[in-house]
Amino acid sequence: MYSTLPALHTHTHTHTYA
């Protein structure tokens, strides 16, 4: 789940880039 939102980028940093 790749979100372009800067807030979710740091929130789901490991979750998105895992």
PDB file of N, CA and C in Angstrom:
ATOM      1  N   MET A   1       0.843  -1.198   0.000  1.00  0.00           N
ATOM      2  CA  MET A   1       0.000   0.000   0.000  1.00  0.00           C
ATOM      3  C   MET A   1       0.882   1.253   0.000  1.00  0.00           C
ATOM      4  N   TYR A   2       1.100   1.783  -1.168  1.00  0.00           N
ATOM      5  CA  TYR A   2       1.964   2.955  -1.296  1.00  0.00           C
ATOM      6  C   TYR A   2       1.121   4.224  -1.350  1.00  0.00           C
ATOM      7  N   SER A   3       1.255   5.030  -0.311  1.00  0.00           N
ATOM      8  CA  SER A   3       0.506   6.286  -0.256  1.00  0.00           C
ATOM      9  C   SER A   3       1.425   7.460  -0.551  1.00  0.00           C
ATOM     10  N   THR A   4       0.907   8.445  -1.260  1.00  0.00           N
ATOM     11  CA  THR A   4       1.701   9.608  -1.629  1.00  0.00           C
ATOM     12  C   THR A   4       1.621  10.677  -0.550  1.00  0.00           C
ATOM     13  N   LEU A   5       0.978  10.334   0.550  1.00  0.00           N
ATOM     14  CA  LEU A   5       0.831  11.281   1.651  1.00  0.00           C
ATOM     15  C   LEU A   5       2.100  11.291   2.499  1.00  0.00           C
ATOM     16  N   PRO A   6       2.633  12.484   2.766  1.00  0.00           N
ATOM     17  CA  PRO A   6       3.854  12.631   3.557  1.00  0.00           C
ATOM     18  C   PRO A   6       3.669  12.163   4.998  1.00  0.00           C
ATOM     19  N   ALA A   7       2.453  12.308   5.509  1.00  0.00           N
ATOM     20  CA  ALA A   7       2.157  11.905   6.877  1.00  0.00           C
ATOM     21  C   ALA A   7       2.175  10.378   6.998  1.00  0.00           C
ATOM     22  N   LEU A   8       1.565   9.709   6.045  1.00  0.00           N
ATOM     23  CA  LEU A   8       1.520   8.253   6.053  1.00  0.00           C
ATOM     24  C   LEU A   8       2.871   7.665   5.679  1.00  0.00           C
ATOM     25  N   HIS A   9       3.687   8.471   5.027  1.00  0.00           N
ATOM     26  CA  HIS A   9       5.006   8.017   4.597  1.00  0.00           C
ATOM     27  C   HIS A   9       5.895   7.728   5.801  1.00  0.00           C
ATOM     28  N   THR A  10       5.796   8.597   6.792  1.00  0.00           N
ATOM     29  CA  THR A  10       6.615   8.419   7.993  1.00  0.00           C
ATOM     30  C   THR A  10       5.914   7.507   8.991  1.00  0.00           C
ATOM     31  N   HIS A  11       4.591   7.421   8.896  1.00  0.00           N
ATOM     32  CA  HIS A  11       3.820   6.592   9.814  1.00  0.00           C
ATOM     33  C   HIS A  11       3.957   5.120   9.434  1.00  0.00           C
ATOM     34  N   THR A  12       3.849   4.854   8.142  1.00  0.00           N
ATOM     35  CA  THR A  12       3.945   3.472   7.673  1.00  0.00           C
ATOM     36  C   THR A  12       5.257   3.283   6.938  1.00  0.00           C
ATOM     37  N   HIS A  13       6.325   3.793   7.531  1.00  0.00           N
ATOM     38  CA  HIS A  13       7.643   3.743   6.907  1.00  0.00           C
ATOM     39  C   HIS A  13       8.108   2.296   6.739  1.00  0.00           C
ATOM     40  N   THR A  14       8.071   1.558   7.835  1.00  0.00           N
ATOM     41  CA  THR A  14       8.517   0.173   7.799  1.00  0.00           C
ATOM     42  C   THR A  14       7.433  -0.724   7.216  1.00  0.00           C
ATOM     43  N   HIS A  15       6.186  -0.312   7.370  1.00  0.00           N
ATOM     44  CA  HIS A  15       5.062  -1.108   6.898  1.00  0.00           C
ATOM     45  C   HIS A  15       4.956  -1.056   5.378  1.00  0.00           C
ATOM     46  N   THR A  16       5.253   0.129   4.810  1.00  0.00           N
ATOM     47  CA  THR A  16       5.142   0.305   3.371  1.00  0.00           C
ATOM     48  C   THR A  16       6.399  -0.186   2.670  1.00  0.00           C
ATOM     49  N   TYR A  17       7.545   0.037   3.310  1.00  0.00           N
ATOM     50  CA  TYR A  17       8.813  -0.340   2.704  1.00  0.00           C
ATOM     51  C   TYR A  17       9.286  -1.699   3.201  1.00  0.00           C
ATOM     52  N   ALA A  18       8.376  -2.463   3.770  1.00  0.00           N
ATOM     53  CA  ALA A  18       8.747  -3.763   4.288  1.00  0.00           C
ATOM     54  C   ALA A  18       8.513  -4.838   3.223  1.00  0.00           C
TER      55      ALA A  18
END
